[in-house]
PDB file of N, CA and C in Angstrom:
ATOM      1  N   MET A   1     118.357 114.892  89.152  1.00  0.00           N
ATOM      2  CA  MET A   1     117.281 115.681  88.616  1.00  0.00           C
ATOM      3  C   MET A   1     116.434 114.800  87.695  1.00  0.00           C
ATOM      4  N   ARG A   2     115.170 115.096  87.655  1.00  0.00           N
ATOM      5  CA  ARG A   2     114.272 114.340  86.789  1.00  0.00           C
ATOM      6  C   ARG A   2     114.471 114.748  85.340  1.00  0.00           C
ATOM      7  N   ALA A   3     114.301 113.797  84.432  1.00  0.00           N
ATOM      8  CA  ALA A   3     114.503 114.061  83.008  1.00  0.00           C
ATOM      9  C   ALA A   3     113.452 115.008  82.436  1.00  0.00           C
ATOM     10  N   ASP A   4     112.247 115.050  83.030  1.00  0.00           N
ATOM     11  CA  ASP A   4     111.185 115.907  82.488  1.00  0.00           C
ATOM     12  C   ASP A   4     111.237 117.333  83.036  1.00  0.00           C
ATOM     13  N   LEU A   5     112.157 117.630  83.966  1.00  0.00           N
ATOM     14  CA  LEU A   5     112.327 118.987  84.483  1.00  0.00           C
ATOM     15  C   LEU A   5     113.546 119.619  83.812  1.00  0.00           C
ATOM     16  N   VAL A   6     113.278 120.382  82.761  1.00  0.00           N
ATOM     17  CA  VAL A   6     114.325 121.001  81.970  1.00  0.00           C
ATOM     18  C   VAL A   6     114.125 122.509  82.008  1.00  0.00           C
ATOM     19  N   VAL A   7     115.207 123.259  82.158  1.00  0.00           N
ATOM     20  CA  VAL A   7     115.127 124.718  82.166  1.00  0.00           C
ATOM     21  C   VAL A   7     114.447 125.202  80.897  1.00  0.00           C
ATOM     22  N   GLY A   8     113.445 126.062  81.069  1.00  0.00           N
ATOM     23  CA  GLY A   8     112.716 126.628  79.938  1.00  0.00           C
ATOM     24  C   GLY A   8     111.504 125.833  79.501  1.00  0.00           C
ATOM     25  N   SER A   9     111.338 124.620  80.034  1.00  0.00           N
ATOM     26  CA  SER A   9     110.164 123.817  79.662  1.00  0.00           C
ATOM     27  C   SER A   9     109.029 124.085  80.650  1.00  0.00           C
ATOM     28  N   ARG A  10     107.857 123.587  80.322  1.00  0.00           N
ATOM     29  CA  ARG A  10     106.699 123.770  81.205  1.00  0.00           C
ATOM     30  C   ARG A  10     106.814 122.860  82.418  1.00  0.00           C
ATOM     31  N   PHE A  11     106.408 123.395  83.557  1.00  0.00           N
ATOM     32  CA  PHE A  11     106.394 122.627  84.800  1.00  0.00           C
ATOM     33  C   PHE A  11     105.189 121.684  84.775  1.00  0.00           C
ATOM     34  N   PRO A  12     105.315 120.462  85.273  1.00  0.00           N
ATOM     35  CA  PRO A  12     104.163 119.550  85.309  1.00  0.00           C
ATOM     36  C   PRO A  12     103.000 120.168  86.093  1.00  0.00           C
ATOM     37  N   ASP A  13     101.784 119.942  85.637  1.00  0.00           N
ATOM     38  CA  ASP A  13     100.590 120.492  86.292  1.00  0.00           C
ATOM     39  C   ASP A  13     100.254 119.636  87.512  1.00  0.00           C
ATOM     40  N   LEU A  14     100.869 119.967  88.626  1.00  0.00           N
ATOM     41  CA  LEU A  14     100.713 119.199  89.855  1.00  0.00           C
ATOM     42  C   LEU A  14      99.506 119.653  90.659  1.00  0.00           C
ATOM     43  N   VAL A  15      99.048 118.767  91.517  1.00  0.00           N
ATOM     44  CA  VAL A  15      98.041 119.105  92.524  1.00  0.00           C
ATOM     45  C   VAL A  15      98.731 118.952  93.864  1.00  0.00           C
ATOM     46  N   LEU A  16      98.831 120.069  94.594  1.00  0.00           N
ATOM     47  CA  LEU A  16      99.522 120.091  95.882  1.00  0.00           C
ATOM     48  C   LEU A  16      98.597 120.649  96.954  1.00  0.00           C
ATOM     49  N   PRO A  17      98.785 120.251  98.206  1.00  0.00           N
ATOM     50  CA  PRO A  17      97.961 120.812  99.274  1.00  0.00           C
ATOM     51  C   PRO A  17      98.422 122.223  99.650  1.00  0.00           C
ATOM     52  N   ASP A  18      97.464 123.094  99.956  1.00  0.00           N
ATOM     53  CA  ASP A  18      97.810 124.433 100.440  1.00  0.00           C
ATOM     54  C   ASP A  18      97.985 124.393 101.954  1.00  0.00           C
ATOM     55  N   HIS A  19      98.085 125.543 102.581  1.00  0.00           N
ATOM     56  CA  HIS A  19      98.332 125.592 104.021  1.00  0.00           C
ATOM     57  C   HIS A  19      97.173 125.055 104.860  1.00  0.00           C
ATOM     58  N   ARG A  20      95.992 124.891 104.236  1.00  0.00           N
ATOM     59  CA  ARG A  20      94.841 124.297 104.928  1.00  0.00           C
ATOM     60  C   ARG A  20      94.631 122.844 104.523  1.00  0.00           C
ATOM     61  N   ARG A  21      95.594 122.308 103.764  1.00  0.00           N
ATOM     62  CA  ARG A  21      95.562 120.936 103.247  1.00  0.00           C
ATOM     63  C   ARG A  21      94.473 120.711 102.208  1.00  0.00           C
ATOM     64  N   THR A  22      94.044 121.782 101.558  1.00  0.00           N
ATOM     65  CA  THR A  22      93.080 121.692 100.469  1.00  0.00           C
ATOM     66  C   THR A  22      93.862 121.513  99.166  1.00  0.00           C
ATOM     67  N   PRO A  23      93.524 120.504  98.350  1.00  0.00           N
ATOM     68  CA  PRO A  23      94.254 120.302  97.095  1.00  0.00           C
ATOM     69  C   PRO A  23      94.069 121.494  96.149  1.00  0.00           C
ATOM     70  N   VAL A  24      95.185 121.947  95.558  1.00  0.00           N
ATOM     71  CA  VAL A  24      95.173 123.066  94.622  1.00  0.00           C
ATOM     72  C   VAL A  24      95.950 122.651  93.382  1.00  0.00           C
ATOM     73  N   GLN A  25      95.322 122.804  92.207  1.00  0.00           N
ATOM     74  CA  GLN A  25      95.991 122.492  90.947  1.00  0.00           C
ATOM     75  C   GLN A  25      96.750 123.731  90.480  1.00  0.00           C
ATOM     76  N   LEU A  26      98.028 123.563  90.122  1.00  0.00           N
ATOM     77  CA  LEU A  26      98.872 124.698  89.779  1.00  0.00           C
ATOM     78  C   LEU A  26      98.324 125.510  88.615  1.00  0.00           C
ATOM     79  N   SER A  27      97.784 124.860  87.599  1.00  0.00           N
ATOM     80  CA  SER A  27      97.265 125.592  86.445  1.00  0.00           C
ATOM     81  C   SER A  27      96.079 126.471  86.826  1.00  0.00           C
ATOM     82  N   LYS A  28      95.257 126.045  87.755  1.00  0.00           N
ATOM     83  CA  LYS A  28      94.124 126.863  88.200  1.00  0.00           C
ATOM     84  C   LYS A  28      94.596 128.007  89.089  1.00  0.00           C
ATOM     85  N   LEU A  29      95.634 127.773  89.860  1.00  0.00           N
ATOM     86  CA  LEU A  29      96.183 128.802  90.717  1.00  0.00           C
ATOM     87  C   LEU A  29      96.824 129.918  89.887  1.00  0.00           C
ATOM     88  N   ALA A  30      97.534 129.546  88.830  1.00  0.00           N
ATOM     89  CA  ALA A  30      98.209 130.520  87.976  1.00  0.00           C
ATOM     90  C   ALA A  30      97.224 131.253  87.073  1.00  0.00           C
ATOM     91  N   ASP A  31      96.164 130.588  86.651  1.00  0.00           N
ATOM     92  CA  ASP A  31      95.134 131.179  85.791  1.00  0.00           C
ATOM     93  C   ASP A  31      95.738 131.830  84.547  1.00  0.00           C
ATOM     94  N   GLY A  32      96.726 131.163  83.928  1.00  0.00           N
ATOM     95  CA  GLY A  32      97.315 131.651  82.690  1.00  0.00           C
ATOM     96  C   GLY A  32      98.484 132.597  82.864  1.00  0.00           C
ATOM     97  N   TYR A  33      98.799 132.990  84.081  1.00  0.00           N
ATOM     98  CA  TYR A  33      99.913 133.897  84.347  1.00  0.00           C
ATOM     99  C   TYR A  33     101.148 133.105  84.776  1.00  0.00           C
ATOM    100  N   PRO A  34     102.324 133.710  84.687  1.00  0.00           N
ATOM    101  CA  PRO A  34     103.531 133.018  85.172  1.00  0.00           C
ATOM    102  C   PRO A  34     103.401 132.707  86.664  1.00  0.00           C
ATOM    103  N   LEU A  35     103.986 131.613  87.083  1.00  0.00           N
ATOM    104  CA  LEU A  35     103.867 131.171  88.467  1.00  0.00           C
ATOM    105  C   LEU A  35     105.234 130.739  88.984  1.00  0.00           C
ATOM    106  N   VAL A  36     105.569 131.143  90.190  1.00  0.00           N
ATOM    107  CA  VAL A  36     106.796 130.707  90.843  1.00  0.00           C
ATOM    108  C   VAL A  36     106.402 129.757  91.961  1.00  0.00           C
ATOM    109  N   VAL A  37     106.981 128.577  91.953  1.00  0.00           N
ATOM    110  CA  VAL A  37     106.711 127.580  92.991  1.00  0.00           C
ATOM    111  C   VAL A  37     107.941 127.491  93.878  1.00  0.00           C
ATOM    112  N   SER A  38     107.744 127.689  95.159  1.00  0.00           N
ATOM    113  CA  SER A  38     108.852 127.667  96.118  1.00  0.00           C
ATOM    114  C   SER A  38     108.538 126.653  97.212  1.00  0.00           C
ATOM    115  N   PHE A  39     109.468 125.783  97.468  1.00  0.00           N
ATOM    116  CA  PHE A  39     109.311 124.791  98.525  1.00  0.00           C
ATOM    117  C   PHE A  39     110.226 125.188  99.680  1.00  0.00           C
ATOM    118  N   TYR A  40     109.724 125.078 100.875  1.00  0.00           N
ATOM    119  CA  TYR A  40     110.536 125.412 102.035  1.00  0.00           C
ATOM    120  C   TYR A  40     110.224 124.450 103.166  1.00  0.00           C
ATOM    121  N   ARG A  41     111.124 124.358 104.058  1.00  0.00           N
ATOM    122  CA  ARG A  41     110.971 123.483 105.216  1.00  0.00           C
ATOM    123  C   ARG A  41     110.143 124.205 106.258  1.00  0.00           C
ATOM    124  N   GLY A  42     109.035 123.627 106.664  1.00  0.00           N
ATOM    125  CA  GLY A  42     108.108 124.291 107.563  1.00  0.00           C
ATOM    126  C   GLY A  42     108.525 124.311 109.016  1.00  0.00           C
ATOM    127  N   TYR A  43     109.210 123.312 109.480  1.00  0.00           N
ATOM    128  CA  TYR A  43     109.620 123.234 110.869  1.00  0.00           C
ATOM    129  C   TYR A  43     111.119 123.042 110.945  1.00  0.00           C
ATOM    130  N   TRP A  44     111.787 123.804 111.753  1.00  0.00           N
ATOM    131  CA  TRP A  44     113.242 123.712 111.883  1.00  0.00           C
ATOM    132  C   TRP A  44     113.538 122.894 113.049  1.00  0.00           C
TER     133      TRP A  44
END
C-alpha cells in the first residue's frame, strides 16, 4: 500500500479518463460532496 493512502485521509486529486476517455478531475466530479471511487476489470 502507498504511504499517502491512509484510512480517513483525503484521496489524492487524480485526473482519470471516463468511459469516453475524456480526462475527469475527481475534485470537479465530486463538486464538494463525498465521492466513492471504484475500480473494476472491464474485460473478463
